[in-house]
């Protein structure tokens, strides 16, 4: 395996296959995470009770995912890619959950 030495002297893999695999793993796990919100949405909707869910936590996750998508977009030359898309989708799912929690609290 080709390695390179950073300014701190530690060896790390050269870009190439490693970055391709890392990108696909990021995309895979974050895509699955988008689907993982569905049971929470269904549980809140079915029970009509959002008291066990922290609205502050979900709104924080909206902000974290949305700003990650924006940060990636800016650092990618304002071009979309898979990482930006899945971060945006995660923000939207957190937003949907936040809206549902808030709706059952009103």
PDB file of N, CA and C in Angstrom:
ATOM      1  N   UNK A   1       0.846  -1.171   0.000  1.00  0.00           N
ATOM      2  CA  UNK A   1       0.000   0.000   0.000  1.00  0.00           C
ATOM      3  C   UNK A   1       0.887   1.228   0.000  1.00  0.00           C
ATOM      4  N   UNK A   2       0.549   2.172  -0.846  1.00  0.00           N
ATOM      5  CA  UNK A   2       1.277   3.434  -0.867  1.00  0.00           C
ATOM      6  C   UNK A   2       0.851   4.281   0.313  1.00  0.00           C
ATOM      7  N   UNK A   3       1.836   4.888   0.980  1.00  0.00           N
ATOM      8  CA  UNK A   3       1.522   5.786   2.084  1.00  0.00           C
ATOM      9  C   UNK A   3       2.283   7.075   1.891  1.00  0.00           C
ATOM     10  N   UNK A   4       1.858   8.067   2.620  1.00  0.00           N
ATOM     11  CA  UNK A   4       2.537   9.347   2.610  1.00  0.00           C
ATOM     12  C   UNK A   4       2.700   9.786   4.058  1.00  0.00           C
ATOM     13  N   UNK A   5       3.656  10.643   4.311  1.00  0.00           N
ATOM     14  CA  UNK A   5       3.897  11.109   5.669  1.00  0.00           C
ATOM     15  C   UNK A   5       3.412  12.534   5.795  1.00  0.00           C
ATOM     16  N   UNK A   6       2.586  12.784   6.814  1.00  0.00           N
ATOM     17  CA  UNK A   6       2.087  14.134   7.037  1.00  0.00           C
ATOM     18  C   UNK A   6       3.129  14.949   7.780  1.00  0.00           C
ATOM     19  N   UNK A   7       2.821  16.213   8.013  1.00  0.00           N
ATOM     20  CA  UNK A   7       3.758  17.085   8.714  1.00  0.00           C
ATOM     21  C   UNK A   7       4.009  16.615  10.139  1.00  0.00           C
ATOM     22  N   UNK A   8       3.110  15.788  10.674  1.00  0.00           N
ATOM     23  CA  UNK A   8       3.295  15.261  12.022  1.00  0.00           C
ATOM     24  C   UNK A   8       4.066  13.942  12.010  1.00  0.00           C
ATOM     25  N   UNK A   9       4.392  13.452  10.837  1.00  0.00           N
ATOM     26  CA  UNK A   9       5.214  12.261  10.712  1.00  0.00           C
ATOM     27  C   UNK A   9       4.454  10.950  10.719  1.00  0.00           C
ATOM     28  N   UNK A  10       3.130  10.970  10.750  1.00  0.00           N
ATOM     29  CA  UNK A  10       2.384   9.717  10.744  1.00  0.00           C
ATOM     30  C   UNK A  10       2.069   9.305   9.312  1.00  0.00           C
ATOM     31  N   UNK A  11       2.104   8.013   9.064  1.00  0.00           N
ATOM     32  CA  UNK A  11       1.801   7.500   7.730  1.00  0.00           C
ATOM     33  C   UNK A  11       0.294   7.389   7.574  1.00  0.00           C
ATOM     34  N   UNK A  12      -0.213   7.724   6.402  1.00  0.00           N
ATOM     35  CA  UNK A  12      -1.630   7.580   6.103  1.00  0.00           C
ATOM     36  C   UNK A  12      -1.753   7.113   4.656  1.00  0.00           C
ATOM     37  N   UNK A  13      -2.864   6.451   4.331  1.00  0.00           N
ATOM     38  CA  UNK A  13      -3.034   5.956   2.958  1.00  0.00           C
ATOM     39  C   UNK A  13      -3.081   7.092   1.951  1.00  0.00           C
ATOM     40  N   UNK A  14      -2.547   6.834   0.770  1.00  0.00           N
ATOM     41  CA  UNK A  14      -2.616   7.805  -0.322  1.00  0.00           C
ATOM     42  C   UNK A  14      -4.052   7.862  -0.826  1.00  0.00           C
ATOM     43  N   UNK A  15      -4.459   9.014  -1.353  1.00  0.00           N
ATOM     44  CA  UNK A  15      -5.799   9.108  -1.945  1.00  0.00           C
ATOM     45  C   UNK A  15      -5.940   8.117  -3.092  1.00  0.00           C
ATOM     46  N   UNK A  16      -7.121   7.812  -3.436  1.00  0.00           N
ATOM     47  CA  UNK A  16      -7.395   6.868  -4.511  1.00  0.00           C
ATOM     48  C   UNK A  16      -8.487   5.930  -4.058  1.00  0.00           C
ATOM     49  N   UNK A  17      -8.162   4.657  -4.003  1.00  0.00           N
ATOM     50  CA  UNK A  17      -9.128   3.649  -3.597  1.00  0.00           C
ATOM     51  C   UNK A  17      -9.693   3.941  -2.214  1.00  0.00           C
ATOM     52  N   UNK A  18      -8.843   4.360  -1.301  1.00  0.00           N
ATOM     53  CA  UNK A  18      -9.272   4.675   0.058  1.00  0.00           C
ATOM     54  C   UNK A  18     -10.374   5.733   0.056  1.00  0.00           C
ATOM     55  N   UNK A  19     -10.179   6.819  -0.695  1.00  0.00           N
ATOM     56  CA  UNK A  19     -11.176   7.888  -0.728  1.00  0.00           C
ATOM     57  C   UNK A  19     -12.456   7.446  -1.429  1.00  0.00           C
ATOM     58  N   UNK A  20     -12.332   6.616  -2.438  1.00  0.00           N
ATOM     59  CA  UNK A  20     -13.517   6.096  -3.122  1.00  0.00           C
ATOM     60  C   UNK A  20     -14.330   5.238  -2.158  1.00  0.00           C
ATOM     61  N   UNK A  21     -13.661   4.345  -1.443  1.00  0.00           N
ATOM     62  CA  UNK A  21     -14.343   3.478  -0.480  1.00  0.00           C
ATOM     63  C   UNK A  21     -14.957   4.317   0.643  1.00  0.00           C
ATOM     64  N   UNK A  22     -14.210   5.269   1.159  1.00  0.00           N
ATOM     65  CA  UNK A  22     -14.717   6.131   2.227  1.00  0.00           C
ATOM     66  C   UNK A  22     -15.953   6.909   1.778  1.00  0.00           C
ATOM     67  N   UNK A  23     -15.927   7.435   0.568  1.00  0.00           N
ATOM     68  CA  UNK A  23     -17.067   8.182   0.034  1.00  0.00           C
ATOM     69  C   UNK A  23     -18.297   7.288  -0.079  1.00  0.00           C
ATOM     70  N   UNK A  24     -18.126   6.079  -0.599  1.00  0.00           N
ATOM     71  CA  UNK A  24     -19.257   5.163  -0.734  1.00  0.00           C
ATOM     72  C   UNK A  24     -19.784   4.719   0.629  1.00  0.00           C
ATOM     73  N   UNK A  25     -18.902   4.498   1.595  1.00  0.00           N
ATOM     74  CA  UNK A  25     -19.350   4.118   2.937  1.00  0.00           C
ATOM     75  C   UNK A  25     -20.121   5.258   3.594  1.00  0.00           C
ATOM     76  N   UNK A  26     -19.623   6.483   3.450  1.00  0.00           N
ATOM     77  CA  UNK A  26     -20.342   7.656   3.965  1.00  0.00           C
ATOM     78  C   UNK A  26     -21.729   7.722   3.346  1.00  0.00           C
ATOM     79  N   UNK A  27     -21.794   7.571   2.034  1.00  0.00           N
ATOM     80  CA  UNK A  27     -23.070   7.641   1.326  1.00  0.00           C
ATOM     81  C   UNK A  27     -24.000   6.518   1.775  1.00  0.00           C
ATOM     82  N   UNK A  28     -23.487   5.316   1.896  1.00  0.00           N
ATOM     83  CA  UNK A  28     -24.292   4.171   2.310  1.00  0.00           C
ATOM     84  C   UNK A  28     -24.882   4.389   3.705  1.00  0.00           C
ATOM     85  N   UNK A  29     -24.024   4.659   4.680  1.00  0.00           N
ATOM     86  CA  UNK A  29     -24.507   4.789   6.054  1.00  0.00           C
ATOM     87  C   UNK A  29     -25.431   5.989   6.236  1.00  0.00           C
ATOM     88  N   UNK A  30     -25.167   7.081   5.564  1.00  0.00           N
ATOM     89  CA  UNK A  30     -26.042   8.241   5.690  1.00  0.00           C
ATOM     90  C   UNK A  30     -27.347   8.059   4.929  1.00  0.00           C
ATOM     91  N   UNK A  31     -27.339   7.262   3.870  1.00  0.00           N
ATOM     92  CA  UNK A  31     -28.581   6.939   3.164  1.00  0.00           C
ATOM     93  C   UNK A  31     -29.454   6.036   4.031  1.00  0.00           C
ATOM     94  N   UNK A  32     -28.832   5.065   4.681  1.00  0.00           N
ATOM     95  CA  UNK A  32     -29.572   4.195   5.603  1.00  0.00           C
ATOM     96  C   UNK A  32     -30.126   5.024   6.759  1.00  0.00           C
ATOM     97  N   UNK A  33     -29.348   5.998   7.207  1.00  0.00           N
ATOM     98  CA  UNK A  33     -29.797   6.859   8.295  1.00  0.00           C
ATOM     99  C   UNK A  33     -31.060   7.620   7.900  1.00  0.00           C
ATOM    100  N   UNK A  34     -31.176   8.033   6.638  1.00  0.00           N
ATOM    101  CA  UNK A  34     -32.393   8.711   6.177  1.00  0.00           C
ATOM    102  C   UNK A  34     -33.597   7.802   6.406  1.00  0.00           C
ATOM    103  N   UNK A  35     -33.455   6.524   6.109  1.00  0.00           N
ATOM    104  CA  UNK A  35     -34.553   5.571   6.307  1.00  0.00           C
ATOM    105  C   UNK A  35     -34.791   5.279   7.788  1.00  0.00           C
ATOM    106  N   UNK A  36     -33.755   5.397   8.597  1.00  0.00           N
ATOM    107  CA  UNK A  36     -33.865   5.094  10.026  1.00  0.00           C
ATOM    108  C   UNK A  36     -34.747   6.097  10.769  1.00  0.00           C
ATOM    109  N   UNK A  37     -35.032   7.239  10.182  1.00  0.00           N
ATOM    110  CA  UNK A  37     -35.937   8.200  10.810  1.00  0.00           C
ATOM    111  C   UNK A  37     -37.395   7.747  10.710  1.00  0.00           C
ATOM    112  N   UNK A  38     -37.710   6.913   9.751  1.00  0.00           N
ATOM    113  CA  UNK A  38     -39.102   6.523   9.504  1.00  0.00           C
ATOM    114  C   UNK A  38     -39.778   5.860  10.705  1.00  0.00           C
ATOM    115  N   UNK A  39     -39.125   4.936  11.435  1.00  0.00           N
ATOM    116  CA  UNK A  39     -39.804   4.361  12.608  1.00  0.00           C
ATOM    117  C   UNK A  39     -40.170   5.407  13.668  1.00  0.00           C
ATOM    118  N   UNK A  40     -39.327   6.397  13.859  1.00  0.00           N
ATOM    119  CA  UNK A  40     -39.636   7.457  14.827  1.00  0.00           C
ATOM    120  C   UNK A  40     -40.831   8.271  14.354  1.00  0.00           C
ATOM    121  N   UNK A  41     -40.824   8.650  13.095  1.00  0.00           N
ATOM    122  CA  UNK A  41     -41.963   9.390  12.540  1.00  0.00           C
ATOM    123  C   UNK A  41     -43.255   8.590  12.668  1.00  0.00           C
ATOM    124  N   UNK A  42     -43.196   7.308  12.349  1.00  0.00           N
ATOM    125  CA  UNK A  42     -44.376   6.443  12.423  1.00  0.00           C
ATOM    126  C   UNK A  42     -44.847   6.284  13.868  1.00  0.00           C
ATOM    127  N   UNK A  43     -43.911   6.116  14.799  1.00  0.00           N
ATOM    128  CA  UNK A  43     -44.282   5.953  16.210  1.00  0.00           C
ATOM    129  C   UNK A  43     -44.982   7.203  16.742  1.00  0.00           C
ATOM    130  N   UNK A  44     -44.449   8.361  16.414  1.00  0.00           N
ATOM    131  CA  UNK A  44     -45.075   9.612  16.872  1.00  0.00           C
ATOM    132  C   UNK A  44     -46.451   9.769  16.247  1.00  0.00           C
ATOM    133  N   UNK A  45     -46.534   9.524  14.955  1.00  0.00           N
ATOM    134  CA  UNK A  45     -47.801   9.679  14.240  1.00  0.00           C
ATOM    135  C   UNK A  45     -48.846   8.686  14.754  1.00  0.00           C
ATOM    136  N   UNK A  46     -48.441   7.427  14.934  1.00  0.00           N
ATOM    137  CA  UNK A  46     -49.381   6.382  15.372  1.00  0.00           C
ATOM    138  C   UNK A  46     -49.895   6.613  16.784  1.00  0.00           C
ATOM    139  N   UNK A  47     -49.014   7.028  17.678  1.00  0.00           N
ATOM    140  CA  UNK A  47     -49.400   7.213  19.077  1.00  0.00           C
ATOM    141  C   UNK A  47     -50.034   8.571  19.335  1.00  0.00           C
ATOM    142  N   UNK A  48     -49.702   9.545  18.501  1.00  0.00           N
ATOM    143  CA  UNK A  48     -50.179  10.900  18.736  1.00  0.00           C
ATOM    144  C   UNK A  48     -49.517  11.553  19.938  1.00  0.00           C
ATOM    145  N   UNK A  49     -48.402  10.956  20.382  1.00  0.00           N
ATOM    146  CA  UNK A  49     -47.711  11.437  21.584  1.00  0.00           C
ATOM    147  C   UNK A  49     -46.241  11.679  21.252  1.00  0.00           C
ATOM    148  N   UNK A  50     -45.817  12.928  21.390  1.00  0.00           N
ATOM    149  CA  UNK A  50     -44.415  13.258  21.112  1.00  0.00           C
ATOM    150  C   UNK A  50     -43.643  13.583  22.383  1.00  0.00           C
ATOM    151  N   UNK A  51     -44.227  13.288  23.528  1.00  0.00           N
ATOM    152  CA  UNK A  51     -43.615  13.689  24.800  1.00  0.00           C
ATOM    153  C   UNK A  51     -42.283  13.003  25.080  1.00  0.00           C
ATOM    154  N   UNK A  52     -42.030  11.879  24.468  1.00  0.00           N
ATOM    155  CA  UNK A  52     -40.778  11.159  24.688  1.00  0.00           C
ATOM    156  C   UNK A  52     -39.657  11.614  23.749  1.00  0.00           C
ATOM    157  N   UNK A  53     -39.916  12.632  22.950  1.00  0.00           N
ATOM    158  CA  UNK A  53     -38.947  13.104  21.965  1.00  0.00           C
ATOM    159  C   UNK A  53     -38.597  14.560  22.230  1.00  0.00           C
ATOM    160  N   UNK A  54     -37.323  14.848  22.278  1.00  0.00           N
ATOM    161  CA  UNK A  54     -36.854  16.198  22.560  1.00  0.00           C
ATOM    162  C   UNK A  54     -36.879  17.051  21.289  1.00  0.00           C
ATOM    163  N   UNK A  55     -37.720  18.070  21.293  1.00  0.00           N
ATOM    164  CA  UNK A  55     -37.781  18.981  20.150  1.00  0.00           C
ATOM    165  C   UNK A  55     -36.457  19.716  19.975  1.00  0.00           C
ATOM    166  N   UNK A  56     -35.833  20.105  21.077  1.00  0.00           N
ATOM    167  CA  UNK A  56     -34.541  20.798  21.007  1.00  0.00           C
ATOM    168  C   UNK A  56     -33.483  19.923  20.330  1.00  0.00           C
ATOM    169  N   UNK A  57     -33.471  18.645  20.662  1.00  0.00           N
ATOM    170  CA  UNK A  57     -32.508  17.725  20.042  1.00  0.00           C
ATOM    171  C   UNK A  57     -32.737  17.629  18.542  1.00  0.00           C
ATOM    172  N   UNK A  58     -33.986  17.447  18.143  1.00  0.00           N
ATOM    173  CA  UNK A  58     -34.279  17.301  16.712  1.00  0.00           C
ATOM    174  C   UNK A  58     -33.992  18.578  15.935  1.00  0.00           C
ATOM    175  N   UNK A  59     -34.295  19.731  16.517  1.00  0.00           N
ATOM    176  CA  UNK A  59     -33.990  21.000  15.846  1.00  0.00           C
ATOM    177  C   UNK A  59     -32.479  21.190  15.734  1.00  0.00           C
ATOM    178  N   UNK A  60     -31.749  20.758  16.759  1.00  0.00           N
ATOM    179  CA  UNK A  60     -30.278  20.813  16.700  1.00  0.00           C
ATOM    180  C   UNK A  60     -29.762  19.939  15.569  1.00  0.00           C
ATOM    181  N   UNK A  61     -30.350  18.749  15.401  1.00  0.00           N
ATOM    182  CA  UNK A  61     -29.924  17.864  14.317  1.00  0.00           C
ATOM    183  C   UNK A  61     -30.269  18.447  12.948  1.00  0.00           C
ATOM    184  N   UNK A  62     -31.390  19.172  12.861  1.00  0.00           N
ATOM    185  CA  UNK A  62     -31.710  19.873  11.605  1.00  0.00           C
ATOM    186  C   UNK A  62     -30.567  20.821  11.266  1.00  0.00           C
ATOM    187  N   UNK A  63     -30.193  21.646  12.245  1.00  0.00           N
ATOM    188  CA  UNK A  63     -29.118  22.616  12.030  1.00  0.00           C
ATOM    189  C   UNK A  63     -27.787  21.959  11.713  1.00  0.00           C
ATOM    190  N   UNK A  64     -27.459  20.893  12.426  1.00  0.00           N
ATOM    191  CA  UNK A  64     -26.185  20.206  12.188  1.00  0.00           C
ATOM    192  C   UNK A  64     -26.123  19.620  10.783  1.00  0.00           C
ATOM    193  N   UNK A  65     -27.189  18.950  10.365  1.00  0.00           N
ATOM    194  CA  UNK A  65     -27.203  18.349   9.027  1.00  0.00           C
ATOM    195  C   UNK A  65     -27.258  19.399   7.926  1.00  0.00           C
ATOM    196  N   UNK A  66     -28.044  20.443   8.130  1.00  0.00           N
ATOM    197  CA  UNK A  66     -28.161  21.491   7.106  1.00  0.00           C
ATOM    198  C   UNK A  66     -26.843  22.248   6.947  1.00  0.00           C
ATOM    199  N   UNK A  67     -26.199  22.577   8.066  1.00  0.00           N
ATOM    200  CA  UNK A  67     -24.929  23.292   7.950  1.00  0.00           C
ATOM    201  C   UNK A  67     -23.824  22.391   7.413  1.00  0.00           C
ATOM    202  N   UNK A  68     -23.892  21.085   7.681  1.00  0.00           N
ATOM    203  CA  UNK A  68     -22.922  20.160   7.083  1.00  0.00           C
ATOM    204  C   UNK A  68     -23.097  20.133   5.573  1.00  0.00           C
ATOM    205  N   UNK A  69     -24.335  20.083   5.116  1.00  0.00           N
ATOM    206  CA  UNK A  69     -24.592  20.106   3.673  1.00  0.00           C
ATOM    207  C   UNK A  69     -24.074  21.402   3.054  1.00  0.00           C
ATOM    208  N   UNK A  70     -24.335  22.530   3.713  1.00  0.00           N
ATOM    209  CA  UNK A  70     -23.867  23.821   3.203  1.00  0.00           C
ATOM    210  C   UNK A  70     -22.346  23.904   3.206  1.00  0.00           C
ATOM    211  N   UNK A  71     -21.727  23.415   4.263  1.00  0.00           N
ATOM    212  CA  UNK A  71     -20.262  23.420   4.372  1.00  0.00           C
ATOM    213  C   UNK A  71     -19.641  22.566   3.263  1.00  0.00           C
ATOM    214  N   UNK A  72     -20.201  21.379   3.057  1.00  0.00           N
ATOM    215  CA  UNK A  72     -19.704  20.505   1.990  1.00  0.00           C
ATOM    216  C   UNK A  72     -19.885  21.156   0.625  1.00  0.00           C
ATOM    217  N   UNK A  73     -21.026  21.798   0.411  1.00  0.00           N
ATOM    218  CA  UNK A  73     -21.310  22.467  -0.854  1.00  0.00           C
ATOM    219  C   UNK A  73     -20.277  23.561  -1.134  1.00  0.00           C
ATOM    220  N   UNK A  74     -19.988  24.371  -0.130  1.00  0.00           N
ATOM    221  CA  UNK A  74     -19.009  25.451  -0.299  1.00  0.00           C
ATOM    222  C   UNK A  74     -17.607  24.897  -0.535  1.00  0.00           C
ATOM    223  N   UNK A  75     -17.246  23.842   0.173  1.00  0.00           N
ATOM    224  CA  UNK A  75     -15.903  23.267   0.029  1.00  0.00           C
ATOM    225  C   UNK A  75     -15.773  22.386  -1.209  1.00  0.00           C
ATOM    226  N   UNK A  76     -16.865  22.168  -1.897  1.00  0.00           N
ATOM    227  CA  UNK A  76     -16.845  21.393  -3.132  1.00  0.00           C
ATOM    228  C   UNK A  76     -17.017  22.310  -4.343  1.00  0.00           C
ATOM    229  N   UNK A  77     -16.647  23.566  -4.193  1.00  0.00           N
ATOM    230  CA  UNK A  77     -16.742  24.500  -5.315  1.00  0.00           C
ATOM    231  C   UNK A  77     -18.167  24.796  -5.727  1.00  0.00           C
ATOM    232  N   UNK A  78     -19.086  24.761  -4.766  1.00  0.00           N
ATOM    233  CA  UNK A  78     -20.510  24.995  -5.023  1.00  0.00           C
ATOM    234  C   UNK A  78     -21.081  24.042  -6.063  1.00  0.00           C
ATOM    235  N   UNK A  79     -20.625  22.798  -5.970  1.00  0.00           N
ATOM    236  CA  UNK A  79     -21.153  21.721  -6.821  1.00  0.00           C
ATOM    237  C   UNK A  79     -21.736  20.648  -5.916  1.00  0.00           C
ATOM    238  N   UNK A  80     -22.872  20.092  -6.328  1.00  0.00           N
ATOM    239  CA  UNK A  80     -23.510  19.024  -5.555  1.00  0.00           C
ATOM    240  C   UNK A  80     -22.767  17.709  -5.737  1.00  0.00           C
ATOM    241  N   UNK A  81     -22.804  16.883  -4.687  1.00  0.00           N
ATOM    242  CA  UNK A  81     -22.311  15.513  -4.779  1.00  0.00           C
ATOM    243  C   UNK A  81     -23.146  14.648  -3.838  1.00  0.00           C
ATOM    244  N   UNK A  82     -22.826  13.362  -3.737  1.00  0.00           N
ATOM    245  CA  UNK A  82     -23.610  12.440  -2.903  1.00  0.00           C
ATOM    246  C   UNK A  82     -23.607  12.853  -1.440  1.00  0.00           C
ATOM    247  N   UNK A  83     -22.475  13.283  -0.932  1.00  0.00           N
ATOM    248  CA  UNK A  83     -22.372  13.658   0.483  1.00  0.00           C
ATOM    249  C   UNK A  83     -23.303  14.829   0.803  1.00  0.00           C
ATOM    250  N   UNK A  84     -23.356  15.790  -0.083  1.00  0.00           N
ATOM    251  CA  UNK A  84     -24.228  16.950   0.110  1.00  0.00           C
ATOM    252  C   UNK A  84     -25.691  16.510   0.051  1.00  0.00           C
ATOM    253  N   UNK A  85     -26.005  15.658  -0.902  1.00  0.00           N
ATOM    254  CA  UNK A  85     -27.383  15.189  -1.058  1.00  0.00           C
ATOM    255  C   UNK A  85     -27.866  14.434   0.171  1.00  0.00           C
ATOM    256  N   UNK A  86     -27.061  13.509   0.688  1.00  0.00           N
ATOM    257  CA  UNK A  86     -27.523  12.748   1.853  1.00  0.00           C
ATOM    258  C   UNK A  86     -27.557  13.610   3.102  1.00  0.00           C
ATOM    259  N   UNK A  87     -26.659  14.577   3.242  1.00  0.00           N
ATOM    260  CA  UNK A  87     -26.715  15.492   4.385  1.00  0.00           C
ATOM    261  C   UNK A  87     -27.983  16.337   4.317  1.00  0.00           C
ATOM    262  N   UNK A  88     -28.324  16.780   3.123  1.00  0.00           N
ATOM    263  CA  UNK A  88     -29.562  17.530   2.937  1.00  0.00           C
ATOM    264  C   UNK A  88     -30.794  16.686   3.235  1.00  0.00           C
ATOM    265  N   UNK A  89     -30.783  15.444   2.808  1.00  0.00           N
ATOM    266  CA  UNK A  89     -31.911  14.541   3.094  1.00  0.00           C
ATOM    267  C   UNK A  89     -32.034  14.282   4.588  1.00  0.00           C
ATOM    268  N   UNK A  90     -30.909  14.119   5.270  1.00  0.00           N
ATOM    269  CA  UNK A  90     -30.952  13.937   6.723  1.00  0.00           C
ATOM    270  C   UNK A  90     -31.519  15.176   7.398  1.00  0.00           C
ATOM    271  N   UNK A  91     -31.159  16.359   6.921  1.00  0.00           N
ATOM    272  CA  UNK A  91     -31.720  17.599   7.475  1.00  0.00           C
ATOM    273  C   UNK A  91     -33.230  17.632   7.276  1.00  0.00           C
ATOM    274  N   UNK A  92     -33.691  17.239   6.106  1.00  0.00           N
ATOM    275  CA  UNK A  92     -35.128  17.236   5.827  1.00  0.00           C
ATOM    276  C   UNK A  92     -35.885  16.242   6.699  1.00  0.00           C
ATOM    277  N   UNK A  93     -35.306  15.066   6.937  1.00  0.00           N
ATOM    278  CA  UNK A  93     -35.960  14.079   7.797  1.00  0.00           C
ATOM    279  C   UNK A  93     -36.007  14.564   9.244  1.00  0.00           C
ATOM    280  N   UNK A  94     -34.946  15.215   9.698  1.00  0.00           N
ATOM    281  CA  UNK A  94     -34.956  15.786  11.048  1.00  0.00           C
ATOM    282  C   UNK A  94     -35.980  16.913  11.142  1.00  0.00           C
ATOM    283  N   UNK A  95     -36.100  17.691  10.081  1.00  0.00           N
ATOM    284  CA  UNK A  95     -37.095  18.757  10.043  1.00  0.00           C
ATOM    285  C   UNK A  95     -38.510  18.168  10.098  1.00  0.00           C
ATOM    286  N   UNK A  96     -38.746  17.115   9.333  1.00  0.00           N
ATOM    287  CA  UNK A  96     -40.063  16.461   9.351  1.00  0.00           C
ATOM    288  C   UNK A  96     -40.383  15.949  10.752  1.00  0.00           C
ATOM    289  N   UNK A  97     -39.404  15.360  11.410  1.00  0.00           N
ATOM    290  CA  UNK A  97     -39.605  14.864  12.768  1.00  0.00           C
ATOM    291  C   UNK A  97     -39.872  16.022  13.722  1.00  0.00           C
ATOM    292  N   UNK A  98     -39.132  17.104  13.581  1.00  0.00           N
ATOM    293  CA  UNK A  98     -39.335  18.282  14.435  1.00  0.00           C
ATOM    294  C   UNK A  98     -40.734  18.853  14.251  1.00  0.00           C
ATOM    295  N   UNK A  99     -41.170  18.938  13.024  1.00  0.00           N
ATOM    296  CA  UNK A  99     -42.522  19.460  12.737  1.00  0.00           C
ATOM    297  C   UNK A  99     -43.586  18.569  13.354  1.00  0.00           C
ATOM    298  N   UNK A 100     -43.413  17.257  13.223  1.00  0.00           N
ATOM    299  CA  UNK A 100     -44.383  16.323  13.782  1.00  0.00           C
ATOM    300  C   UNK A 100     -44.416  16.409  15.314  1.00  0.00           C
ATOM    301  N   UNK A 101     -43.236  16.507  15.934  1.00  0.00           N
ATOM    302  CA  UNK A 101     -43.173  16.659  17.389  1.00  0.00           C
ATOM    303  C   UNK A 101     -43.901  17.936  17.802  1.00  0.00           C
ATOM    304  N   UNK A 102     -43.592  19.035  17.127  1.00  0.00           N
ATOM    305  CA  UNK A 102     -44.210  20.320  17.466  1.00  0.00           C
ATOM    306  C   UNK A 102     -45.725  20.292  17.241  1.00  0.00           C
ATOM    307  N   UNK A 103     -46.165  19.629  16.173  1.00  0.00           N
ATOM    308  CA  UNK A 103     -47.598  19.564  15.863  1.00  0.00           C
ATOM    309  C   UNK A 103     -48.376  18.855  16.967  1.00  0.00           C
ATOM    310  N   UNK A 104     -47.799  17.823  17.549  1.00  0.00           N
ATOM    311  CA  UNK A 104     -48.493  17.093  18.610  1.00  0.00           C
ATOM    312  C   UNK A 104     -48.365  17.780  19.970  1.00  0.00           C
ATOM    313  N   UNK A 105     -47.548  18.800  20.054  1.00  0.00           N
ATOM    314  CA  UNK A 105     -47.424  19.551  21.305  1.00  0.00           C
ATOM    315  C   UNK A 105     -48.350  20.754  21.353  1.00  0.00           C
ATOM    316  N   UNK A 106     -48.887  21.146  20.209  1.00  0.00           N
ATOM    317  CA  UNK A 106     -49.740  22.341  20.155  1.00  0.00           C
ATOM    318  C   UNK A 106     -51.153  22.008  20.602  1.00  0.00           C
TER     319      UNK A 106
END
